[in-house]
C-alpha atoms as a PDB file:
ATOM      1  CA  MET A   1      -0.233   0.068   0.311  1.00  0.00           C
ATOM      2  CA  GLU A   2       1.397   3.404  -0.626  1.00  0.00           C
ATOM      3  CA  ILE A   3      -0.659   6.332   0.882  1.00  0.00           C
ATOM      4  CA  SER A   4       0.344   9.880  -0.512  1.00  0.00           C
ATOM      5  CA  VAL A   5      -1.577  12.993   2.305  1.00  0.00           C
ATOM      6  CA  THR A   6      -1.426  17.053   2.030  1.00  0.00           C
ATOM      7  CA  VAL A   7      -2.707  18.423   5.330  1.00  0.00           C
ATOM      8  CA  GLY A   8      -2.558  22.367   4.418  1.00  0.00           C
ATOM      9  CA  THR A   9       0.695  22.441   2.610  1.00  0.00           C
ATOM     10  CA  LYS A  10       2.102  20.178   4.021  1.00  0.00           C
ATOM     11  CA  SER A  11       3.141  16.777   2.950  1.00  0.00           C
ATOM     12  CA  TYR A  12       3.808  13.182   4.196  1.00  0.00           C
ATOM     13  CA  ARG A  13       3.968   9.641   2.354  1.00  0.00           C
ATOM     14  CA  ALA A  14       3.945   6.051   4.125  1.00  0.00           C
ATOM     15  CA  ARG A  15       4.463   3.244   2.536  1.00  0.00           C
ATOM     16  CA  GLY A  16       4.092  -0.631   3.759  1.00  0.00           C
ATOM     17  CA  ASN A  17       1.695  -3.561   4.580  1.00  0.00           C
ATOM     18  CA  GLY A  18      -1.883  -2.783   4.580  1.00  0.00           C
ATOM     19  CA  GLU A  19      -5.702  -4.134   4.059  1.00  0.00           C
ATOM     20  CA  CYS A  20      -7.756  -3.153   1.091  1.00  0.00           C
ATOM     21  CA  GLN A  21     -11.052  -4.428   0.263  1.00  0.00           C
ATOM     22  CA  HIS A  22     -13.759  -4.259  -2.368  1.00  0.00           C
ATOM     23  CA  ALA A  23     -17.086  -5.344  -2.197  1.00  0.00           C
ATOM     24  CA  PRO A  24     -19.362  -4.532  -5.311  1.00  0.00           C
ATOM     25  CA  VAL A  25     -22.130  -5.653  -3.694  1.00  0.00           C
ATOM     26  CA  ALA A  26     -22.979  -4.003  -0.704  1.00  0.00           C
ATOM     27  CA  SER A  27     -25.178  -1.654   1.283  1.00  0.00           C
ATOM     28  CA  ILE A  28     -24.892   1.933   3.586  1.00  0.00           C
ATOM     29  CA  TYR A  29     -28.015   2.387   5.640  1.00  0.00           C
ATOM     30  CA  GLY A  30     -30.621   0.534   3.555  1.00  0.00           C
ATOM     31  CA  ASN A  31     -28.850   1.321   0.153  1.00  0.00           C
ATOM     32  CA  PRO A  32     -27.095  -0.444  -2.007  1.00  0.00           C
ATOM     33  CA  ALA A  33     -24.003   0.668  -2.532  1.00  0.00           C
ATOM     34  CA  MET A  34     -20.232  -0.995  -3.637  1.00  0.00           C
ATOM     35  CA  LEU A  35     -17.855  -0.605  -1.328  1.00  0.00           C
ATOM     36  CA  TRP A  36     -13.988   0.451  -0.676  1.00  0.00           C
ATOM     37  CA  ARG A  37     -11.923   0.043   2.044  1.00  0.00           C
ATOM     38  CA  ALA A  38      -8.379   1.074   3.187  1.00  0.00           C
ATOM     39  CA  GLY A  39      -6.354   0.096   5.870  1.00  0.00           C
ATOM     40  CA  TYR A  40      -3.062   1.102   7.633  1.00  0.00           C
ATOM     41  CA  SER A  41      -1.106   1.146  10.467  1.00  0.00           C
ATOM     42  CA  ALA A  42       2.326   1.977  12.129  1.00  0.00           C
ATOM     43  CA  ALA A  43       4.508   2.643  14.274  1.00  0.00           C
ATOM     44  CA  GLU A  44       3.448   5.652  16.894  1.00  0.00           C
ATOM     45  CA  ASN A  45       6.482   8.113  15.334  1.00  0.00           C
ATOM     46  CA  ALA A  46       5.426   7.358  12.038  1.00  0.00           C
ATOM     47  CA  ASN A  47       4.225  10.448   9.724  1.00  0.00           C
ATOM     48  CA  ILE A  48       1.186   8.539   9.273  1.00  0.00           C
ATOM     49  CA  PRO A  49       0.843   6.106  12.228  1.00  0.00           C
ATOM     50  CA  TYR A  50      -2.882   5.442  10.905  1.00  0.00           C
ATOM     51  CA  LEU A  51      -5.394   5.769   8.323  1.00  0.00           C
ATOM     52  CA  ALA A  52      -9.199   3.666   7.992  1.00  0.00           C
ATOM     53  CA  LEU A  53     -11.068   5.020   4.980  1.00  0.00           C
ATOM     54  CA  THR A  54     -14.668   3.831   3.634  1.00  0.00           C
ATOM     55  CA  VAL A  55     -15.367   5.131   0.164  1.00  0.00           C
ATOM     56  CA  TRP A  56     -19.133   4.298  -0.931  1.00  0.00           C
ATOM     57  CA  ARG A  57     -20.070   4.500  -4.463  1.00  0.00           C
ATOM     58  CA  PRO A  58     -23.955   4.461  -4.356  1.00  0.00           C
ATOM     59  CA  ALA A  59     -26.193   2.296  -6.856  1.00  0.00           C
ATOM     60  CA  GLY A  60     -28.051   5.125  -9.154  1.00  0.00           C
ATOM     61  CA  GLY A  61     -24.965   7.073  -9.934  1.00  0.00           C
ATOM     62  CA  SER A  62     -24.795   9.431  -6.958  1.00  0.00           C
ATOM     63  CA  ALA A  63     -21.574  10.721  -5.811  1.00  0.00           C
ATOM     64  CA  GLU A  64     -19.352   8.783  -3.504  1.00  0.00           C
ATOM     65  CA  GLN A  65     -19.554   8.672   0.038  1.00  0.00           C
ATOM     66  CA  PHE A  66     -16.652   8.356   2.408  1.00  0.00           C
ATOM     67  CA  THR A  67     -15.659   8.040   5.900  1.00  0.00           C
ATOM     68  CA  LEU A  68     -11.902   9.076   7.252  1.00  0.00           C
ATOM     69  CA  GLY A  69      -9.920   8.617   9.858  1.00  0.00           C
ATOM     70  CA  MET A  70      -6.218   9.342  10.229  1.00  0.00           C
ATOM     71  CA  ARG A  71      -3.089  10.798  12.346  1.00  0.00           C
ATOM     72  CA  VAL A  72      -0.364  12.596  10.293  1.00  0.00           C
ATOM     73  CA  GLY A  73       2.526  13.202  12.895  1.00  0.00           C
ATOM     74  CA  SER A  74       0.522  13.862  16.691  1.00  0.00           C
ATOM     75  CA  GLU A  75      -2.599  15.385  14.798  1.00  0.00           C
ATOM     76  CA  SER A  76      -5.995  13.570  14.374  1.00  0.00           C
ATOM     77  CA  TYR A  77      -8.270  14.150  11.115  1.00  0.00           C
ATOM     78  CA  ASP A  78     -11.663  12.772  10.295  1.00  0.00           C
ATOM     79  CA  VAL A  79     -14.412  13.238   7.899  1.00  0.00           C
ATOM     80  CA  THR A  80     -17.852  11.909   6.936  1.00  0.00           C
ATOM     81  CA  THR A  81     -19.250  12.770   4.272  1.00  0.00           C
ATOM     82  CA  VAL A  82     -21.946   9.429   4.369  1.00  0.00           C
ATOM     83  CA  LYS A  83     -25.809  10.248   4.213  1.00  0.00           C
ATOM     84  CA  GLY A  84     -27.395   8.996   7.289  1.00  0.00           C
ATOM     85  CA  SER A  85     -24.757   9.248   9.685  1.00  0.00           C
ATOM     86  CA  GLN A  86     -23.235  12.329  11.295  1.00  0.00           C
ATOM     87  CA  LEU A  87     -21.691  14.403   9.124  1.00  0.00           C
ATOM     88  CA  VAL A  88     -17.979  15.715   9.893  1.00  0.00           C
ATOM     89  CA  GLY A  89     -16.023  17.802   7.480  1.00  0.00           C
ATOM     90  CA  LYS A  90     -16.799  18.111   4.101  1.00  0.00           C
ATOM     91  CA  GLY A  91     -15.532  16.314   0.929  1.00  0.00           C
ATOM     92  CA  SER A  92     -15.406  14.751  -2.242  1.00  0.00           C
ATOM     93  CA  ALA A  93     -14.053  10.781  -3.159  1.00  0.00           C
ATOM     94  CA  ALA A  94     -13.210   9.010  -6.472  1.00  0.00           C
ATOM     95  CA  VAL A  95     -12.377   5.150  -6.758  1.00  0.00           C
ATOM     96  CA  ARG A  96      -9.675   4.504 -10.302  1.00  0.00           C
ATOM     97  CA  ASN A  97      -9.490   0.889 -10.188  1.00  0.00           C
ATOM     98  CA  ALA A  98      -6.273  -0.776 -12.047  1.00  0.00           C
ATOM     99  CA  GLY A  99      -6.278  -4.501 -12.495  1.00  0.00           C
ATOM    100  CA  ALA A 100      -6.835  -6.287  -9.142  1.00  0.00           C
ATOM    101  CA  GLY A 101      -6.567  -2.670  -7.592  1.00  0.00           C
ATOM    102  CA  GLY A 102      -6.447   0.733  -7.391  1.00  0.00           C
ATOM    103  CA  ARG A 103      -6.913   4.655  -6.058  1.00  0.00           C
ATOM    104  CA  LEU A 104      -8.578   5.764  -3.737  1.00  0.00           C
ATOM    105  CA  GLU A 105      -8.415   9.511  -3.868  1.00  0.00           C
ATOM    106  CA  ILE A 106      -9.824  12.004  -1.082  1.00  0.00           C
ATOM    107  CA  LYS A 107     -10.195  15.801  -1.149  1.00  0.00           C
ATOM    108  CA  GLY A 108     -12.213  17.731   1.410  1.00  0.00           C
ATOM    109  CA  GLU A 109     -11.603  19.224   4.901  1.00  0.00           C
ATOM    110  CA  ASP A 110     -12.198  18.570   8.588  1.00  0.00           C
ATOM    111  CA  ALA A 111     -14.864  19.843  10.444  1.00  0.00           C
ATOM    112  CA  GLY A 112     -11.979  22.483  11.762  1.00  0.00           C
ATOM    113  CA  GLY A 113     -11.689  23.449   8.076  1.00  0.00           C
ATOM    114  CA  THR A 114      -8.143  21.913   7.281  1.00  0.00           C
ATOM    115  CA  ASP A 115      -7.259  21.226   3.534  1.00  0.00           C
ATOM    116  CA  LEU A 116      -6.797  17.553   2.982  1.00  0.00           C
ATOM    117  CA  THR A 117      -6.143  15.128   0.389  1.00  0.00           C
ATOM    118  CA  VAL A 118      -5.515  11.448   1.039  1.00  0.00           C
ATOM    119  CA  LEU A 119      -4.693   9.367  -2.385  1.00  0.00           C
ATOM    120  CA  VAL A 120      -4.566   5.364  -1.061  1.00  0.00           C
ATOM    121  CA  SER A 121      -2.826   2.944  -3.674  1.00  0.00           C
ATOM    122  CA  CYS A 122      -3.526  -0.594  -3.753  1.00  0.00           C
ATOM    123  CA  ALA A 123      -1.753  -3.481  -5.386  1.00  0.00           C
ATOM    124  CA  THR A 124      -4.731  -5.629  -4.870  1.00  0.00           C
ATOM    125  CA  PHE A 125      -8.151  -5.379  -3.054  1.00  0.00           C
ATOM    126  CA  THR A 126      -9.679  -8.686  -1.619  1.00  0.00           C
ATOM    127  CA  GLU A 127     -13.173  -9.250  -1.164  1.00  0.00           C
ATOM    128  CA  ALA A 128     -14.741  -7.531   1.683  1.00  0.00           C
ATOM    129  CA  ILE A 129     -16.897  -9.501   4.108  1.00  0.00           C
ATOM    130  CA  ALA A 130     -19.724  -8.084   5.421  1.00  0.00           C
ATOM    131  CA  GLU A 131     -20.530  -7.190   8.864  1.00  0.00           C
ATOM    132  CA  GLY A 132     -23.834  -6.339  10.937  1.00  0.00           C
ATOM    133  CA  GLY A 133     -25.899  -8.700   9.655  1.00  0.00           C
END
């Protein structure tokens, strides 16, 4: 997994083992959608010690929605644009498929107005396991 994060005007990169998953048939708050999920963790003193990103593409052509939680250095950033949940910050998401893998792209702001750009490249997406019944 390769991660590129820009917080404000500062850029950070990380590379290592992470988890990349995809479900072509899933649902969010009872609405059918495709799902992509990326998870990464590293040492506490790493530039990017933690990242959790879930991107939803609702059926019917609505714009992608996402939930992002990450730490960069000692600061935490959260953005949630999923309709039906408590919205935090704002932003847009895109998924760029490439063979068995692809790239998740986020551009937005956290609740405090900090500009965030996140690119997560995955060599392979494994099948996501259904949660929550």
